[in-house]
Each structure stands twice: as structure tokens, then as C-alpha cells.
C-alpha atoms as a PDB file:
ATOM      1  CA  MET A   1      43.205 -15.636 -45.460  1.00  0.00           C
ATOM      2  CA  TYR A   2      40.750 -18.047 -47.217  1.00  0.00           C
ATOM      3  CA  THR A   3      38.941 -18.459 -44.207  1.00  0.00           C
ATOM      4  CA  GLU A   4      39.081 -14.625 -43.000  1.00  0.00           C
ATOM      5  CA  LYS A   5      37.324 -13.243 -46.438  1.00  0.00           C
ATOM      6  CA  ILE A   6      35.119 -15.929 -46.356  1.00  0.00           C
ATOM      7  CA  SER A   7      33.538 -14.824 -41.896  1.00  0.00           C
ATOM      8  CA  ILE A   8      33.623 -11.182 -43.897  1.00  0.00           C
ATOM      9  CA  LEU A   9      31.385 -12.063 -46.680  1.00  0.00           C
ATOM     10  CA  ILE A  10      29.421 -13.842 -43.759  1.00  0.00           C
ATOM     11  CA  LEU A  11      29.431 -10.266 -41.489  1.00  0.00           C
ATOM     12  CA  SER A  12      28.786  -8.484 -44.260  1.00  0.00           C
ATOM     13  CA  SER A  13      25.608 -10.515 -45.507  1.00  0.00           C
ATOM     14  CA  LEU A  14      24.240 -10.474 -42.038  1.00  0.00           C
ATOM     15  CA  HIS A  15      24.868  -6.863 -42.068  1.00  0.00           C
ATOM     16  CA  THR A  16      22.613  -6.443 -45.698  1.00  0.00           C
ATOM     17  CA  ILE A  17      20.012  -8.911 -43.775  1.00  0.00           C
ATOM     18  CA  GLY A  18      19.249  -6.797 -40.639  1.00  0.00           C
ATOM     19  CA  ASN A  19      19.256  -3.609 -42.783  1.00  0.00           C
ATOM     20  CA  ILE A  20      16.604  -4.528 -44.889  1.00  0.00           C
ATOM     21  CA  TYR A  21      14.531  -6.287 -42.070  1.00  0.00           C
ATOM     22  CA  MET A  22      15.005  -3.174 -40.129  1.00  0.00           C
ATOM     23  CA  ASP A  23      13.800  -1.237 -43.333  1.00  0.00           C
ATOM     24  CA  ILE A  24      11.330  -3.818 -43.677  1.00  0.00           C
ATOM     25  CA  LEU A  25      10.070  -3.121 -39.839  1.00  0.00           C
ATOM     26  CA  LEU A  26      10.331   0.193 -39.837  1.00  0.00           C
ATOM     27  CA  LEU A  27       8.119   0.434 -42.576  1.00  0.00           C
ATOM     28  CA  ASP A  28       5.387  -1.829 -41.360  1.00  0.00           C
ATOM     29  CA  VAL A  29       5.726   0.069 -38.126  1.00  0.00           C
ATOM     30  CA  THR A  30       5.030   3.780 -39.886  1.00  0.00           C
ATOM     31  CA  HIS A  31       2.239   2.081 -42.252  1.00  0.00           C
ATOM     32  CA  ASN A  32       0.051   0.690 -38.984  1.00  0.00           C
ATOM     33  CA  SER A  33       1.060   4.139 -37.180  1.00  0.00           C
ATOM     34  CA  LEU A  34      -0.355   6.226 -40.782  1.00  0.00           C
ATOM     35  CA  ARG A  35      -3.269   3.551 -39.975  1.00  0.00           C
ATOM     36  CA  THR A  36      -4.417   3.884 -36.965  1.00  0.00           C
ATOM     37  CA  PHE A  37      -3.528   7.897 -36.971  1.00  0.00           C
ATOM     38  CA  ASN A  38      -5.701   8.065 -40.565  1.00  0.00           C
ATOM     39  CA  SER A  39      -8.525   5.490 -38.271  1.00  0.00           C
ATOM     40  CA  PHE A  40      -8.660   8.357 -35.210  1.00  0.00           C
ATOM     41  CA  ALA A  41      -8.691  10.967 -38.321  1.00  0.00           C
ATOM     42  CA  PHE A  42     -12.012   9.258 -39.192  1.00  0.00           C
ATOM     43  CA  LEU A  43     -13.542   9.251 -35.983  1.00  0.00           C
ATOM     44  CA  TRP A  44     -12.676  12.768 -35.315  1.00  0.00           C
END
């Protein structure tokens, strides 16, 4: 029972870290594509 709780905690924290990482990754990708789009718009 005790080890079950620990494994659940580890899994949930890993899940949270994964979600945060994905959010940061998405923000980074969006920011980069927006910057690229802006530079292209500037060129036009």
C-alpha cells in the first residue's frame, strides 16, 4: 500500500512535468513560427 502511494505520486509528478514541458515546447514553437512569419511579412 505504501509503495503504491509512492508510485502514484511519482507517476503524477512525471505527468505534471511532462505537461509543463509540452506547454513550454508549444509556446516556444508558436513564438518561433510567429517570429518567422513576422520577418517574412517584413520582407514583403
